[in-house]
C-alpha atoms as a PDB file:
ATOM      1  CA  GLU A   1      12.515   6.596 -35.358  1.00  0.00           C
ATOM      2  CA  ASP A   2      10.612   3.454 -35.501  1.00  0.00           C
ATOM      3  CA  PRO A   3       6.639   4.964 -35.175  1.00  0.00           C
ATOM      4  CA  SER A   4       5.141   1.230 -34.951  1.00  0.00           C
ATOM      5  CA  PRO A   5       2.781   0.279 -32.331  1.00  0.00           C
ATOM      6  CA  SER A   6       5.189  -2.479 -31.155  1.00  0.00           C
ATOM      7  CA  ALA A   7       8.162  -0.464 -31.428  1.00  0.00           C
ATOM      8  CA  LYS A   8       6.257   1.953 -28.656  1.00  0.00           C
ATOM      9  CA  LEU A   9       5.627  -1.040 -26.568  1.00  0.00           C
ATOM     10  CA  LYS A  10       9.119  -1.793 -26.599  1.00  0.00           C
ATOM     11  CA  GLU A  11      10.024   1.704 -25.793  1.00  0.00           C
ATOM     12  CA  ALA A  12       7.659   1.723 -22.989  1.00  0.00           C
ATOM     13  CA  ARG A  13       8.692  -1.380 -21.380  1.00  0.00           C
ATOM     14  CA  THR A  14      12.390  -0.267 -21.327  1.00  0.00           C
ATOM     15  CA  LEU A  15      11.534   3.097 -19.858  1.00  0.00           C
ATOM     16  CA  VAL A  16       9.902   1.231 -17.194  1.00  0.00           C
ATOM     17  CA  MET A  17      12.370  -1.081 -16.226  1.00  0.00           C
ATOM     18  CA  ILE A  18      14.856   2.076 -16.254  1.00  0.00           C
ATOM     19  CA  ALA A  19      12.459   4.226 -14.504  1.00  0.00           C
ATOM     20  CA  LEU A  20      12.924   0.873 -11.670  1.00  0.00           C
ATOM     21  CA  GLU A  21      17.126   1.460 -11.635  1.00  0.00           C
ATOM     22  CA  TYR A  22      16.458   5.432 -10.793  1.00  0.00           C
ATOM     23  CA  GLU A  23      14.130   4.606  -7.932  1.00  0.00           C
ATOM     24  CA  LYS A  24      16.320   1.914  -6.371  1.00  0.00           C
ATOM     25  CA  LYS A  25      19.033   5.006  -6.288  1.00  0.00           C
ATOM     26  CA  TYR A  26      16.203   7.497  -4.983  1.00  0.00           C
ATOM     27  CA  GLU A  27      16.526   9.597  -8.330  1.00  0.00           C
ATOM     28  CA  TYR A  28      12.706   9.819  -7.934  1.00  0.00           C
ATOM     29  CA  ASP A  29      12.653  12.836 -10.439  1.00  0.00           C
ATOM     30  CA  SER A  30      14.198  10.681 -12.855  1.00  0.00           C
ATOM     31  CA  SER A  31      11.698   7.801 -12.306  1.00  0.00           C
ATOM     32  CA  GLU A  32       8.853   9.978 -13.083  1.00  0.00           C
ATOM     33  CA  ARG A  33      10.028  11.109 -16.289  1.00  0.00           C
ATOM     34  CA  CYS A  34      10.645   7.753 -17.395  1.00  0.00           C
ATOM     35  CA  LEU A  35       7.518   6.553 -16.452  1.00  0.00           C
ATOM     36  CA  GLU A  36       6.031   9.299 -17.894  1.00  0.00           C
ATOM     37  CA  GLU A  37       7.102   8.639 -21.400  1.00  0.00           C
ATOM     38  CA  SER A  38       6.382   4.968 -21.094  1.00  0.00           C
ATOM     39  CA  ILE A  39       2.818   6.114 -20.361  1.00  0.00           C
ATOM     40  CA  ALA A  40       2.783   8.295 -23.592  1.00  0.00           C
ATOM     41  CA  ALA A  41       3.744   5.452 -25.534  1.00  0.00           C
ATOM     42  CA  LEU A  42       1.511   3.118 -24.560  1.00  0.00           C
ATOM     43  CA  LYS A  43      -1.141   5.696 -25.049  1.00  0.00           C
ATOM     44  CA  SER A  44       0.293   5.997 -28.480  1.00  0.00           C
ATOM     45  CA  ALA A  45       0.488   2.818 -29.220  1.00  0.00           C
ATOM     46  CA  LEU A  46      -3.070   0.858 -27.436  1.00  0.00           C
ATOM     47  CA  GLY A  47      -5.204   4.191 -26.808  1.00  0.00           C
ATOM     48  CA  THR A  48      -5.920   5.548 -23.304  1.00  0.00           C
ATOM     49  CA  MET A  49      -7.740   2.674 -21.736  1.00  0.00           C
ATOM     50  CA  TYR A  50      -5.341  -0.134 -21.709  1.00  0.00           C
ATOM     51  CA  LEU A  51      -4.826  -1.771 -18.148  1.00  0.00           C
ATOM     52  CA  ASP A  52      -1.173  -1.387 -18.798  1.00  0.00           C
ATOM     53  CA  ILE A  53      -1.542   2.106 -18.303  1.00  0.00           C
ATOM     54  CA  ALA A  54      -3.041   1.552 -15.210  1.00  0.00           C
ATOM     55  CA  THR A  55      -0.343  -0.394 -14.085  1.00  0.00           C
ATOM     56  CA  VAL A  56       2.233   1.960 -14.577  1.00  0.00           C
ATOM     57  CA  LEU A  57       0.150   4.833 -13.531  1.00  0.00           C
ATOM     58  CA  VAL A  58       0.224   3.114  -9.913  1.00  0.00           C
ATOM     59  CA  ASN A  59       3.963   3.057 -10.152  1.00  0.00           C
ATOM     60  CA  LEU A  60       4.077   6.538 -10.995  1.00  0.00           C
ATOM     61  CA  ALA A  61       1.715   7.397  -8.361  1.00  0.00           C
ATOM     62  CA  ARG A  62       4.279   5.328  -5.881  1.00  0.00           C
ATOM     63  CA  VAL A  63       7.364   7.157  -6.777  1.00  0.00           C
ATOM     64  CA  LYS A  64       5.296  10.650  -6.898  1.00  0.00           C
ATOM     65  CA  ILE A  65       4.317   9.676  -3.220  1.00  0.00           C
ATOM     66  CA  ALA A  66       8.086   8.496  -2.590  1.00  0.00           C
ATOM     67  CA  ASN A  67       8.854  12.127  -3.651  1.00  0.00           C
ATOM     68  CA  HIS A  68       6.328  13.965  -1.599  1.00  0.00           C
ATOM     69  CA  LYS A  69       4.085  15.001  -4.388  1.00  0.00           C
ATOM     70  CA  TYR A  70       0.576  13.571  -3.225  1.00  0.00           C
ATOM     71  CA  VAL A  71      -2.008  15.531  -4.957  1.00  0.00           C
ATOM     72  CA  ALA A  72      -0.290  14.682  -8.194  1.00  0.00           C
ATOM     73  CA  ALA A  73      -0.037  10.794  -7.112  1.00  0.00           C
ATOM     74  CA  SER A  74      -3.916  11.177  -6.247  1.00  0.00           C
ATOM     75  CA  GLU A  75      -4.444  12.708  -9.861  1.00  0.00           C
ATOM     76  CA  CYS A  76      -2.324   9.501 -11.566  1.00  0.00           C
ATOM     77  CA  LEU A  77      -4.444   6.859  -9.019  1.00  0.00           C
ATOM     78  CA  GLU A  78      -7.823   8.419  -9.997  1.00  0.00           C
ATOM     79  CA  GLU A  79      -7.044   8.018 -13.372  1.00  0.00           C
ATOM     80  CA  ALA A  80      -5.676   3.837 -12.997  1.00  0.00           C
ATOM     81  CA  MET A  81      -9.054   3.471 -11.274  1.00  0.00           C
ATOM     82  CA  HIS A  82     -10.978   4.713 -14.328  1.00  0.00           C
ATOM     83  CA  ILE A  83      -8.879   2.790 -16.589  1.00  0.00           C
ATOM     84  CA  GLN A  84      -9.211  -0.682 -13.838  1.00  0.00           C
ATOM     85  CA  LYS A  85     -12.754  -0.358 -13.306  1.00  0.00           C
ATOM     86  CA  SER A  86     -13.851   0.279 -17.180  1.00  0.00           C
ATOM     87  CA  ASN A  87     -12.071  -2.916 -17.957  1.00  0.00           C
ATOM     88  CA  LEU A  88     -12.876  -4.734 -14.893  1.00  0.00           C
ATOM     89  CA  GLY A  89     -15.457  -3.547 -12.927  1.00  0.00           C
ATOM     90  CA  ASP A  90     -15.041  -3.256  -8.819  1.00  0.00           C
ATOM     91  CA  GLY A  91     -12.636  -6.063  -7.705  1.00  0.00           C
ATOM     92  CA  GLU A  92      -9.535  -6.343  -5.811  1.00  0.00           C
ATOM     93  CA  GLU A  93      -7.356  -4.844  -8.661  1.00  0.00           C
ATOM     94  CA  VAL A  94      -9.407  -1.574  -8.476  1.00  0.00           C
ATOM     95  CA  ALA A  95      -9.545  -1.870  -4.518  1.00  0.00           C
ATOM     96  CA  ASN A  96      -5.812  -1.815  -4.266  1.00  0.00           C
ATOM     97  CA  THR A  97      -5.219   0.984  -5.932  1.00  0.00           C
ATOM     98  CA  LEU A  98      -7.963   2.372  -3.971  1.00  0.00           C
ATOM     99  CA  CYS A  99      -6.202   1.769  -0.797  1.00  0.00           C
ATOM    100  CA  VAL A 100      -3.071   3.327  -1.981  1.00  0.00           C
ATOM    101  CA  TYR A 101      -5.410   6.506  -2.741  1.00  0.00           C
ATOM    102  CA  ALA A 102      -6.581   6.441   0.239  1.00  0.00           C
ATOM    103  CA  SER A 103      -3.191   6.502   2.218  1.00  0.00           C
ATOM    104  CA  CYS A 104      -2.530   9.242  -0.135  1.00  0.00           C
ATOM    105  CA  LEU A 105      -5.474  11.345   1.118  1.00  0.00           C
ATOM    106  CA  LYS A 106      -4.458  10.085   4.703  1.00  0.00           C
ATOM    107  CA  VAL A 107      -0.891  12.120   4.052  1.00  0.00           C
ATOM    108  CA  CYS A 108      -2.638  15.069   2.510  1.00  0.00           C
ATOM    109  CA  GLY A 109      -4.994  15.234   6.351  1.00  0.00           C
ATOM    110  CA  ASP A 110      -8.372  14.402   4.144  1.00  0.00           C
ATOM    111  CA  PHE A 111      -9.328  11.990   6.572  1.00  0.00           C
ATOM    112  CA  GLU A 112     -12.791  11.718   5.630  1.00  0.00           C
ATOM    113  CA  ASN A 113     -12.225  10.954   2.319  1.00  0.00           C
ATOM    114  CA  ALA A 114      -9.288   8.965   3.382  1.00  0.00           C
ATOM    115  CA  GLU A 115     -11.719   6.841   5.760  1.00  0.00           C
ATOM    116  CA  THR A 116     -14.397   6.368   2.909  1.00  0.00           C
ATOM    117  CA  ALA A 117     -11.571   4.921   0.442  1.00  0.00           C
ATOM    118  CA  TYR A 118     -10.510   2.482   2.952  1.00  0.00           C
ATOM    119  CA  HIS A 119     -14.245   1.276   3.285  1.00  0.00           C
ATOM    120  CA  GLY A 120     -14.440   1.030  -0.263  1.00  0.00           C
ATOM    121  CA  ALA A 121     -11.509  -1.217  -0.979  1.00  0.00           C
ATOM    122  CA  MET A 122     -12.667  -3.560   1.828  1.00  0.00           C
ATOM    123  CA  GLN A 123     -16.175  -4.028   0.538  1.00  0.00           C
ATOM    124  CA  MET A 124     -14.841  -4.557  -2.875  1.00  0.00           C
ATOM    125  CA  ILE A 125     -12.573  -7.209  -1.261  1.00  0.00           C
ATOM    126  CA  LYS A 126     -14.774  -8.674   0.694  1.00  0.00           C
ATOM    127  CA  SER A 127     -17.427  -9.270  -2.070  1.00  0.00           C
ATOM    128  CA  SER A 128     -14.670 -10.637  -4.180  1.00  0.00           C
ATOM    129  CA  ASP A 129     -13.897 -14.438  -4.323  1.00  0.00           C
ATOM    130  CA  GLY A 130     -11.619 -14.232  -1.476  1.00  0.00           C
ATOM    131  CA  GLY A 131     -14.472 -13.096   1.170  1.00  0.00           C
ATOM    132  CA  ARG A 132     -14.010 -11.687   4.238  1.00  0.00           C
ATOM    133  CA  ASP A 133     -10.655 -13.897   5.145  1.00  0.00           C
ATOM    134  CA  SER A 134      -8.642 -12.373   2.030  1.00  0.00           C
ATOM    135  CA  VAL A 135      -5.265 -11.498   2.496  1.00  0.00           C
ATOM    136  CA  SER A 136      -5.912  -8.648   0.347  1.00  0.00           C
ATOM    137  CA  LEU A 137      -7.936  -6.722   3.348  1.00  0.00           C
ATOM    138  CA  VAL A 138      -4.474  -6.622   5.274  1.00  0.00           C
ATOM    139  CA  GLY A 139      -3.680  -3.386   3.521  1.00  0.00           C
ATOM    140  CA  PRO A 140      -6.909  -1.428   3.883  1.00  0.00           C
ATOM    141  CA  LEU A 141      -7.297  -2.737   7.467  1.00  0.00           C
ATOM    142  CA  LEU A 142      -3.962  -1.189   8.530  1.00  0.00           C
ATOM    143  CA  GLY A 143      -4.467   1.735   6.491  1.00  0.00           C
ATOM    144  CA  MET A 144      -8.186   2.264   8.586  1.00  0.00           C
ATOM    145  CA  ALA A 145      -6.170   1.186  11.970  1.00  0.00           C
ATOM    146  CA  ASP A 146      -3.533   3.702  11.270  1.00  0.00           C
ATOM    147  CA  LEU A 147      -6.097   6.476  10.601  1.00  0.00           C
ATOM    148  CA  MET A 148      -8.151   5.890  13.712  1.00  0.00           C
ATOM    149  CA  ASN A 149      -5.061   6.196  15.703  1.00  0.00           C
ATOM    150  CA  ILE A 150      -4.211   9.535  14.125  1.00  0.00           C
ATOM    151  CA  ILE A 151      -7.734  11.152  14.589  1.00  0.00           C
ATOM    152  CA  GLY A 152      -7.660   9.623  18.364  1.00  0.00           C
ATOM    153  CA  GLU A 153     -10.367   6.414  17.808  1.00  0.00           C
ATOM    154  CA  TYR A 154      -7.758   4.238  19.491  1.00  0.00           C
ATOM    155  CA  ASP A 155     -10.597   1.498  20.131  1.00  0.00           C
ATOM    156  CA  GLU A 156     -11.816   1.448  16.592  1.00  0.00           C
ATOM    157  CA  ALA A 157      -8.195   1.516  15.421  1.00  0.00           C
ATOM    158  CA  SER A 158      -7.593  -1.665  18.066  1.00  0.00           C
ATOM    159  CA  GLU A 159     -10.863  -3.428  16.253  1.00  0.00           C
ATOM    160  CA  TYR A 160      -9.008  -3.146  12.708  1.00  0.00           C
ATOM    161  CA  TYR A 161      -5.589  -4.381  14.066  1.00  0.00           C
ATOM    162  CA  VAL A 162      -7.544  -7.077  16.162  1.00  0.00           C
ATOM    163  CA  GLU A 163      -9.212  -8.424  12.369  1.00  0.00           C
ATOM    164  CA  CYS A 164      -5.855  -7.523  10.606  1.00  0.00           C
ATOM    165  CA  LEU A 165      -3.693 -10.278  12.915  1.00  0.00           C
ATOM    166  CA  GLU A 166      -6.945 -12.731  12.537  1.00  0.00           C
ATOM    167  CA  ILE A 167      -6.439 -12.836   8.644  1.00  0.00           C
ATOM    168  CA  GLN A 168      -2.600 -12.783   8.926  1.00  0.00           C
ATOM    169  CA  LYS A 169      -2.527 -15.698  11.074  1.00  0.00           C
ATOM    170  CA  ILE A 170      -4.763 -17.991   8.950  1.00  0.00           C
ATOM    171  CA  ALA A 171      -3.167 -16.791   5.758  1.00  0.00           C
ATOM    172  CA  PHE A 172       0.987 -17.210   7.073  1.00  0.00           C
ATOM    173  CA  GLY A 173       0.276 -18.576  10.467  1.00  0.00           C
ATOM    174  CA  LYS A 174       1.659 -17.770  13.956  1.00  0.00           C
ATOM    175  CA  ILE A 175       5.352 -16.902  13.151  1.00  0.00           C
ATOM    176  CA  HIS A 176       5.541 -14.488  10.281  1.00  0.00           C
ATOM    177  CA  ASP A 177       7.138 -11.111   9.923  1.00  0.00           C
ATOM    178  CA  SER A 178       3.711  -9.142   8.627  1.00  0.00           C
ATOM    179  CA  ILE A 179       2.556 -10.749  11.747  1.00  0.00           C
ATOM    180  CA  ALA A 180       5.142  -9.277  14.314  1.00  0.00           C
ATOM    181  CA  ASN A 181       4.883  -6.018  12.483  1.00  0.00           C
ATOM    182  CA  THR A 182       1.352  -5.893  13.294  1.00  0.00           C
ATOM    183  CA  LEU A 183       1.816  -6.729  16.827  1.00  0.00           C
ATOM    184  CA  TYR A 184       4.337  -3.935  16.690  1.00  0.00           C
ATOM    185  CA  ALA A 185       1.802  -1.446  15.351  1.00  0.00           C
ATOM    186  CA  MET A 186      -0.570  -2.276  18.147  1.00  0.00           C
ATOM    187  CA  GLY A 187       2.054  -1.774  20.867  1.00  0.00           C
ATOM    188  CA  LEU A 188       2.729   1.781  19.110  1.00  0.00           C
ATOM    189  CA  LEU A 189      -1.233   2.655  19.934  1.00  0.00           C
ATOM    190  CA  LYS A 190      -1.163   1.200  23.331  1.00  0.00           C
ATOM    191  CA  HIS A 191       1.596   3.349  23.702  1.00  0.00           C
ATOM    192  CA  ASN A 192       0.029   6.653  22.087  1.00  0.00           C
ATOM    193  CA  GLN A 193      -3.097   5.777  24.933  1.00  0.00           C
ATOM    194  CA  ARG A 194      -0.617   5.646  27.628  1.00  0.00           C
ATOM    195  CA  ASN A 195      -1.524   2.089  28.463  1.00  0.00           C
ATOM    196  CA  PHE A 196       2.384   1.436  28.884  1.00  0.00           C
ATOM    197  CA  ALA A 197       1.599  -1.873  30.556  1.00  0.00           C
ATOM    198  CA  ARG A 198      -0.088  -3.543  27.545  1.00  0.00           C
ATOM    199  CA  SER A 199       2.409  -1.497  24.999  1.00  0.00           C
ATOM    200  CA  VAL A 200       4.918  -3.450  26.633  1.00  0.00           C
ATOM    201  CA  VAL A 201       2.895  -7.173  26.064  1.00  0.00           C
ATOM    202  CA  PHE A 202       2.717  -6.233  22.233  1.00  0.00           C
ATOM    203  CA  PHE A 203       6.357  -5.397  21.806  1.00  0.00           C
ATOM    204  CA  LYS A 204       7.364  -8.255  23.139  1.00  0.00           C
ATOM    205  CA  LYS A 205       5.363 -10.599  21.301  1.00  0.00           C
ATOM    206  CA  SER A 206       6.355  -8.808  18.169  1.00  0.00           C
ATOM    207  CA  VAL A 207      10.235  -9.233  19.029  1.00  0.00           C
ATOM    208  CA  ASP A 208      10.118 -12.892  20.337  1.00  0.00           C
ATOM    209  CA  ILE A 209       8.587 -13.461  16.683  1.00  0.00           C
ATOM    210  CA  ARG A 210      11.381 -11.379  15.002  1.00  0.00           C
ATOM    211  CA  ILE A 211      13.817 -13.613  17.227  1.00  0.00           C
ATOM    212  CA  LYS A 212      12.305 -16.766  16.204  1.00  0.00           C
ATOM    213  CA  LEU A 213      12.864 -15.586  12.610  1.00  0.00           C
ATOM    214  CA  HIS A 214      15.826 -13.756  12.233  1.00  0.00           C
ATOM    215  CA  GLY A 215      18.081 -14.360  15.301  1.00  0.00           C
ATOM    216  CA  GLU A 216      18.731 -11.700  17.942  1.00  0.00           C
ATOM    217  CA  THR A 217      21.039  -9.518  16.045  1.00  0.00           C
ATOM    218  CA  HIS A 218      18.691  -8.730  13.499  1.00  0.00           C
ATOM    219  CA  PRO A 219      17.866  -4.575  13.051  1.00  0.00           C
ATOM    220  CA  SER A 220      14.257  -5.005  13.805  1.00  0.00           C
ATOM    221  CA  VAL A 221      14.737  -6.989  17.052  1.00  0.00           C
ATOM    222  CA  GLY A 222      16.989  -3.928  18.285  1.00  0.00           C
ATOM    223  CA  ASP A 223      14.389  -1.288  16.974  1.00  0.00           C
ATOM    224  CA  THR A 224      11.491  -3.311  19.185  1.00  0.00           C
ATOM    225  CA  TYR A 225      13.725  -3.433  22.215  1.00  0.00           C
ATOM    226  CA  ASN A 226      14.112   0.745  21.619  1.00  0.00           C
ATOM    227  CA  MET A 227      10.566   1.125  22.338  1.00  0.00           C
END
């Protein structure tokens, strides 16, 4: 076995590709093992604070989340953010990882820290070049809206959805899958409030966009009609 750094880097890249193939087949345990071995190879070749390690850690966290290992995923994300901040400072890359971290906390029921993490992600993005209209805000805004919905703060959830929708329309125009998805989520929110008349309005807007994009026989159209 070649112990050189270049050989370790090649091994790490190969392991990531193998992990992706396992993930496609929903073989998450095998995917995790490959990503963990990739991280070990990268650390052996480059040290512990290289940005590529953070990237693989985020990928590993996503697989662990898919495998319902939320605490372990959080630990991976914390290490990834430490590396990212050390190399880049606070910015969109850290914010994106922080958003995934917040989602993980939300699933674990740690709503207070999840809210803090989402706010931190939004602040980092708003302070970057993209500012308040950055499409990168969509993730944390949707995450916060979902969190507010979960804890019953429906008016706040609605405000986050509206802000998200405004950014999506600027970025993508009025006819786009992401806008249909947000409108559908707003319909679910109104449904949870038992405001069925308003929920129908949002569902109809969502399905109209999906029909224009995909035609009436697309599965997403049927899913919306089923509501």
